[in-house]
Amino acid sequence: MAEIFRPALDLGGTVSGEHGVGLLKRPWLAAEHGAAALAVQRRIKDALDPAGILNPGKAV
C-alpha cells in the first residue's frame, strides 16, 4: 500500500476515492490530513452519533 499511497500523497493526491476511505486506507488519513483534522472529524462524529451506532468501528 505504501508504494501506492506515499507517491500519491507526495504528488498532492488523496487516499480517498469514489467510495470513501476503507479499512486499508484508514492508516493513511493522518498522513494526508493531519492528526488535528482527524480529531475534529471524530468530535463531529461523536456529537452527531453519541451512542456510536452509525458505522461502528470505522474511521469516521
PDB file of N, CA and C in Angstrom:
ATOM      1  N   MET A   1       0.824  -1.190   0.000  1.00  0.00           N
ATOM      2  CA  MET A   1       0.000   0.000   0.000  1.00  0.00           C
ATOM      3  C   MET A   1       0.867   1.251   0.000  1.00  0.00           C
ATOM      4  N   ALA A   2       1.973   1.201   0.718  1.00  0.00           N
ATOM      5  CA  ALA A   2       2.849   2.370   0.793  1.00  0.00           C
ATOM      6  C   ALA A   2       3.386   2.747  -0.578  1.00  0.00           C
ATOM      7  N   GLU A   3       3.606   1.762  -1.422  1.00  0.00           N
ATOM      8  CA  GLU A   3       4.118   2.035  -2.772  1.00  0.00           C
ATOM      9  C   GLU A   3       3.116   2.804  -3.611  1.00  0.00           C
ATOM     10  N   ILE A   4       1.875   2.742  -3.254  1.00  0.00           N
ATOM     11  CA  ILE A   4       0.826   3.469  -3.979  1.00  0.00           C
ATOM     12  C   ILE A   4       0.508   4.798  -3.307  1.00  0.00           C
ATOM     13  N   PHE A   5       0.243   4.758  -1.996  1.00  0.00           N
ATOM     14  CA  PHE A   5      -0.258   5.950  -1.313  1.00  0.00           C
ATOM     15  C   PHE A   5       0.801   7.011  -1.054  1.00  0.00           C
ATOM     16  N   ARG A   6       2.025   6.620  -0.717  1.00  0.00           N
ATOM     17  CA  ARG A   6       3.057   7.636  -0.455  1.00  0.00           C
ATOM     18  C   ARG A   6       3.289   8.504  -1.687  1.00  0.00           C
ATOM     19  N   PRO A   7       3.523   7.931  -2.878  1.00  0.00           N
ATOM     20  CA  PRO A   7       3.703   8.783  -4.065  1.00  0.00           C
ATOM     21  C   PRO A   7       2.447   9.605  -4.390  1.00  0.00           C
ATOM     22  N   ALA A   8       1.281   9.002  -4.186  1.00  0.00           N
ATOM     23  CA  ALA A   8       0.041   9.742  -4.459  1.00  0.00           C
ATOM     24  C   ALA A   8      -0.057  10.978  -3.573  1.00  0.00           C
ATOM     25  N   LEU A   9       0.216  10.819  -2.288  1.00  0.00           N
ATOM     26  CA  LEU A   9       0.168  11.961  -1.372  1.00  0.00           C
ATOM     27  C   LEU A   9       1.280  12.965  -1.685  1.00  0.00           C
ATOM     28  N   ASP A  10       2.456  12.476  -2.019  1.00  0.00           N
ATOM     29  CA  ASP A  10       3.570  13.368  -2.354  1.00  0.00           C
ATOM     30  C   ASP A  10       3.267  14.223  -3.578  1.00  0.00           C
ATOM     31  N   LEU A  11       2.440  13.704  -4.478  1.00  0.00           N
ATOM     32  CA  LEU A  11       2.071  14.434  -5.693  1.00  0.00           C
ATOM     33  C   LEU A  11       0.824  15.294  -5.498  1.00  0.00           C
ATOM     34  N   GLY A  12       0.325  15.356  -4.264  1.00  0.00           N
ATOM     35  CA  GLY A  12      -0.842  16.180  -3.975  1.00  0.00           C
ATOM     36  C   GLY A  12      -2.160  15.451  -4.126  1.00  0.00           C
ATOM     37  N   GLY A  13      -2.102  14.130  -4.258  1.00  0.00           N
ATOM     38  CA  GLY A  13      -3.314  13.329  -4.402  1.00  0.00           C
ATOM     39  C   GLY A  13      -3.957  13.032  -3.064  1.00  0.00           C
ATOM     40  N   THR A  14      -4.896  12.134  -3.097  1.00  0.00           N
ATOM     41  CA  THR A  14      -5.653  11.775  -1.905  1.00  0.00           C
ATOM     42  C   THR A  14      -5.749  10.265  -1.774  1.00  0.00           C
ATOM     43  N   VAL A  15      -6.011   9.794  -0.561  1.00  0.00           N
ATOM     44  CA  VAL A  15      -6.201   8.362  -0.368  1.00  0.00           C
ATOM     45  C   VAL A  15      -7.672   7.983  -0.490  1.00  0.00           C
ATOM     46  N   SER A  16      -8.549   8.975  -0.485  1.00  0.00           N
ATOM     47  CA  SER A  16      -9.966   8.660  -0.613  1.00  0.00           C
ATOM     48  C   SER A  16     -10.309   8.439  -2.077  1.00  0.00           C
ATOM     49  N   GLY A  17     -11.436   7.827  -2.290  1.00  0.00           N
ATOM     50  CA  GLY A  17     -11.861   7.543  -3.652  1.00  0.00           C
ATOM     51  C   GLY A  17     -13.364   7.653  -3.774  1.00  0.00           C
ATOM     52  N   GLU A  18     -13.863   7.066  -4.807  1.00  0.00           N
ATOM     53  CA  GLU A  18     -15.283   7.154  -5.109  1.00  0.00           C
ATOM     54  C   GLU A  18     -16.155   6.671  -3.948  1.00  0.00           C
ATOM     55  N   HIS A  19     -15.697   5.656  -3.239  1.00  0.00           N
ATOM     56  CA  HIS A  19     -16.485   5.088  -2.156  1.00  0.00           C
ATOM     57  C   HIS A  19     -15.942   5.455  -0.785  1.00  0.00           C
ATOM     58  N   GLY A  20     -15.126   6.498  -0.717  1.00  0.00           N
ATOM     59  CA  GLY A  20     -14.615   6.941   0.571  1.00  0.00           C
ATOM     60  C   GLY A  20     -13.331   6.237   0.956  1.00  0.00           C
ATOM     61  N   VAL A  21     -13.105   6.134   2.246  1.00  0.00           N
ATOM     62  CA  VAL A  21     -11.874   5.540   2.769  1.00  0.00           C
ATOM     63  C   VAL A  21     -12.220   4.224   3.452  1.00  0.00           C
ATOM     64  N   GLY A  22     -11.683   3.144   2.919  1.00  0.00           N
ATOM     65  CA  GLY A  22     -11.911   1.829   3.511  1.00  0.00           C
ATOM     66  C   GLY A  22     -10.887   1.529   4.590  1.00  0.00           C
ATOM     67  N   LEU A  23     -10.972   0.352   5.132  1.00  0.00           N
ATOM     68  CA  LEU A  23     -10.078  -0.030   6.225  1.00  0.00           C
ATOM     69  C   LEU A  23      -8.621  -0.083   5.793  1.00  0.00           C
ATOM     70  N   LEU A  24      -8.342  -0.430   4.541  1.00  0.00           N
ATOM     71  CA  LEU A  24      -6.954  -0.464   4.077  1.00  0.00           C
ATOM     72  C   LEU A  24      -6.357   0.936   3.962  1.00  0.00           C
ATOM     73  N   LYS A  25      -7.193   1.913   3.689  1.00  0.00           N
ATOM     74  CA  LYS A  25      -6.716   3.285   3.514  1.00  0.00           C
ATOM     75  C   LYS A  25      -6.690   4.072   4.823  1.00  0.00           C
ATOM     76  N   ARG A  26      -7.368   3.579   5.815  1.00  0.00           N
ATOM     77  CA  ARG A  26      -7.510   4.302   7.088  1.00  0.00           C
ATOM     78  C   ARG A  26      -6.178   4.769   7.684  1.00  0.00           C
ATOM     79  N   PRO A  27      -5.130   3.940   7.712  1.00  0.00           N
ATOM     80  CA  PRO A  27      -3.871   4.404   8.301  1.00  0.00           C
ATOM     81  C   PRO A  27      -3.256   5.612   7.576  1.00  0.00           C
ATOM     82  N   TRP A  28      -3.663   5.860   6.353  1.00  0.00           N
ATOM     83  CA  TRP A  28      -3.078   6.946   5.564  1.00  0.00           C
ATOM     84  C   TRP A  28      -3.809   8.281   5.747  1.00  0.00           C
ATOM     85  N   LEU A  29      -4.926   8.279   6.433  1.00  0.00           N
ATOM     86  CA  LEU A  29      -5.674   9.522   6.634  1.00  0.00           C
ATOM     87  C   LEU A  29      -4.859  10.573   7.378  1.00  0.00           C
ATOM     88  N   ALA A  30      -4.152  10.177   8.409  1.00  0.00           N
ATOM     89  CA  ALA A  30      -3.349  11.136   9.174  1.00  0.00           C
ATOM     90  C   ALA A  30      -2.230  11.713   8.319  1.00  0.00           C
ATOM     91  N   ALA A  31      -1.648  10.910   7.449  1.00  0.00           N
ATOM     92  CA  ALA A  31      -0.594  11.409   6.563  1.00  0.00           C
ATOM     93  C   ALA A  31      -1.144  12.446   5.595  1.00  0.00           C
ATOM     94  N   GLU A  32      -2.385  12.273   5.202  1.00  0.00           N
ATOM     95  CA  GLU A  32      -2.990  13.221   4.261  1.00  0.00           C
ATOM     96  C   GLU A  32      -3.543  14.465   4.950  1.00  0.00           C
ATOM     97  N   HIS A  33      -4.262  14.286   6.039  1.00  0.00           N
ATOM     98  CA  HIS A  33      -4.996  15.404   6.646  1.00  0.00           C
ATOM     99  C   HIS A  33      -4.389  15.935   7.930  1.00  0.00           C
ATOM    100  N   GLY A  34      -3.598  15.127   8.623  1.00  0.00           N
ATOM    101  CA  GLY A  34      -3.028  15.537   9.901  1.00  0.00           C
ATOM    102  C   GLY A  34      -3.896  15.116  11.064  1.00  0.00           C
ATOM    103  N   ALA A  35      -3.265  14.957  12.197  1.00  0.00           N
ATOM    104  CA  ALA A  35      -3.956  14.482  13.401  1.00  0.00           C
ATOM    105  C   ALA A  35      -5.029  15.453  13.870  1.00  0.00           C
ATOM    106  N   ALA A  36      -4.793  16.750  13.731  1.00  0.00           N
ATOM    107  CA  ALA A  36      -5.769  17.745  14.193  1.00  0.00           C
ATOM    108  C   ALA A  36      -7.069  17.645  13.402  1.00  0.00           C
ATOM    109  N   ALA A  37      -6.980  17.484  12.093  1.00  0.00           N
ATOM    110  CA  ALA A  37      -8.180  17.371  11.260  1.00  0.00           C
ATOM    111  C   ALA A  37      -8.955  16.102  11.597  1.00  0.00           C
ATOM    112  N   LEU A  38      -8.237  15.016  11.850  1.00  0.00           N
ATOM    113  CA  LEU A  38      -8.921  13.775  12.214  1.00  0.00           C
ATOM    114  C   LEU A  38      -9.613  13.904  13.570  1.00  0.00           C
ATOM    115  N   ALA A  39      -9.014  14.650  14.481  1.00  0.00           N
ATOM    116  CA  ALA A  39      -9.634  14.876  15.790  1.00  0.00           C
ATOM    117  C   ALA A  39     -10.927  15.682  15.644  1.00  0.00           C
ATOM    118  N   VAL A  40     -10.942  16.668  14.756  1.00  0.00           N
ATOM    119  CA  VAL A  40     -12.158  17.450  14.503  1.00  0.00           C
ATOM    120  C   VAL A  40     -13.241  16.548  13.913  1.00  0.00           C
ATOM    121  N   GLN A  41     -12.871  15.722  12.949  1.00  0.00           N
ATOM    122  CA  GLN A  41     -13.840  14.800  12.353  1.00  0.00           C
ATOM    123  C   GLN A  41     -14.417  13.861  13.406  1.00  0.00           C
ATOM    124  N   ARG A  42     -13.583  13.365  14.289  1.00  0.00           N
ATOM    125  CA  ARG A  42     -14.041  12.473  15.347  1.00  0.00           C
ATOM    126  C   ARG A  42     -14.994  13.198  16.293  1.00  0.00           C
ATOM    127  N   ARG A  43     -14.703  14.464  16.619  1.00  0.00           N
ATOM    128  CA  ARG A  43     -15.582  15.222  17.520  1.00  0.00           C
ATOM    129  C   ARG A  43     -16.942  15.463  16.882  1.00  0.00           C
ATOM    130  N   ILE A  44     -16.959  15.738  15.576  1.00  0.00           N
ATOM    131  CA  ILE A  44     -18.229  15.922  14.867  1.00  0.00           C
ATOM    132  C   ILE A  44     -19.019  14.621  14.877  1.00  0.00           C
ATOM    133  N   LYS A  45     -18.347  13.520  14.564  1.00  0.00           N
ATOM    134  CA  LYS A  45     -18.996  12.206  14.565  1.00  0.00           C
ATOM    135  C   LYS A  45     -19.567  11.909  15.945  1.00  0.00           C
ATOM    136  N   ASP A  46     -18.800  12.161  16.988  1.00  0.00           N
ATOM    137  CA  ASP A  46     -19.257  11.898  18.351  1.00  0.00           C
ATOM    138  C   ASP A  46     -20.467  12.763  18.722  1.00  0.00           C
ATOM    139  N   ALA A  47     -20.493  14.003  18.234  1.00  0.00           N
ATOM    140  CA  ALA A  47     -21.618  14.898  18.525  1.00  0.00           C
ATOM    141  C   ALA A  47     -22.890  14.435  17.817  1.00  0.00           C
ATOM    142  N   LEU A  48     -22.743  13.939  16.587  1.00  0.00           N
ATOM    143  CA  LEU A  48     -23.907  13.512  15.817  1.00  0.00           C
ATOM    144  C   LEU A  48     -24.338  12.079  16.126  1.00  0.00           C
ATOM    145  N   ASP A  49     -23.439  11.299  16.677  1.00  0.00           N
ATOM    146  CA  ASP A  49     -23.705   9.892  16.959  1.00  0.00           C
ATOM    147  C   ASP A  49     -23.114   9.517  18.324  1.00  0.00           C
ATOM    148  N   PRO A  50     -23.649  10.087  19.407  1.00  0.00           N
ATOM    149  CA  PRO A  50     -23.059   9.856  20.725  1.00  0.00           C
ATOM    150  C   PRO A  50     -23.090   8.396  21.166  1.00  0.00           C
ATOM    151  N   ALA A  51     -24.022   7.625  20.652  1.00  0.00           N
ATOM    152  CA  ALA A  51     -24.101   6.210  21.035  1.00  0.00           C
ATOM    153  C   ALA A  51     -23.172   5.337  20.192  1.00  0.00           C
ATOM    154  N   GLY A  52     -22.588   5.905  19.139  1.00  0.00           N
ATOM    155  CA  GLY A  52     -21.657   5.157  18.305  1.00  0.00           C
ATOM    156  C   GLY A  52     -22.300   4.039  17.504  1.00  0.00           C
ATOM    157  N   ILE A  53     -23.567   4.228  17.098  1.00  0.00           N
ATOM    158  CA  ILE A  53     -24.271   3.156  16.381  1.00  0.00           C
ATOM    159  C   ILE A  53     -24.171   3.276  14.859  1.00  0.00           C
ATOM    160  N   LEU A  54     -23.749   4.437  14.366  1.00  0.00           N
ATOM    161  CA  LEU A  54     -23.658   4.623  12.924  1.00  0.00           C
ATOM    162  C   LEU A  54     -22.278   4.194  12.433  1.00  0.00           C
ATOM    163  N   ASN A  55     -22.230   3.135  11.661  1.00  0.00           N
ATOM    164  CA  ASN A  55     -20.993   2.624  11.081  1.00  0.00           C
ATOM    165  C   ASN A  55     -19.925   2.387  12.158  1.00  0.00           C
ATOM    166  N   PRO A  56     -20.238   1.571  13.165  1.00  0.00           N
ATOM    167  CA  PRO A  56     -19.300   1.363  14.277  1.00  0.00           C
ATOM    168  C   PRO A  56     -17.989   0.733  13.834  1.00  0.00           C
ATOM    169  N   GLY A  57     -16.903   1.181  14.454  1.00  0.00           N
ATOM    170  CA  GLY A  57     -15.593   0.618  14.178  1.00  0.00           C
ATOM    171  C   GLY A  57     -14.898   1.173  12.954  1.00  0.00           C
ATOM    172  N   LYS A  58     -15.522   2.117  12.297  1.00  0.00           N
ATOM    173  CA  LYS A  58     -14.931   2.695  11.089  1.00  0.00           C
ATOM    174  C   LYS A  58     -14.216   3.998  11.442  1.00  0.00           C
ATOM    175  N   ALA A  59     -13.510   4.553  10.487  1.00  0.00           N
ATOM    176  CA  ALA A  59     -12.676   5.742  10.731  1.00  0.00           C
ATOM    177  C   ALA A  59     -13.513   6.906  11.227  1.00  0.00           C
ATOM    178  N   VAL A  60     -14.550   7.241  10.496  1.00  0.00           N
ATOM    179  CA  VAL A  60     -15.419   8.353  10.882  1.00  0.00           C
ATOM    180  C   VAL A  60     -16.840   7.954  10.635  1.00  0.00           C
TER     181      VAL A  60
END
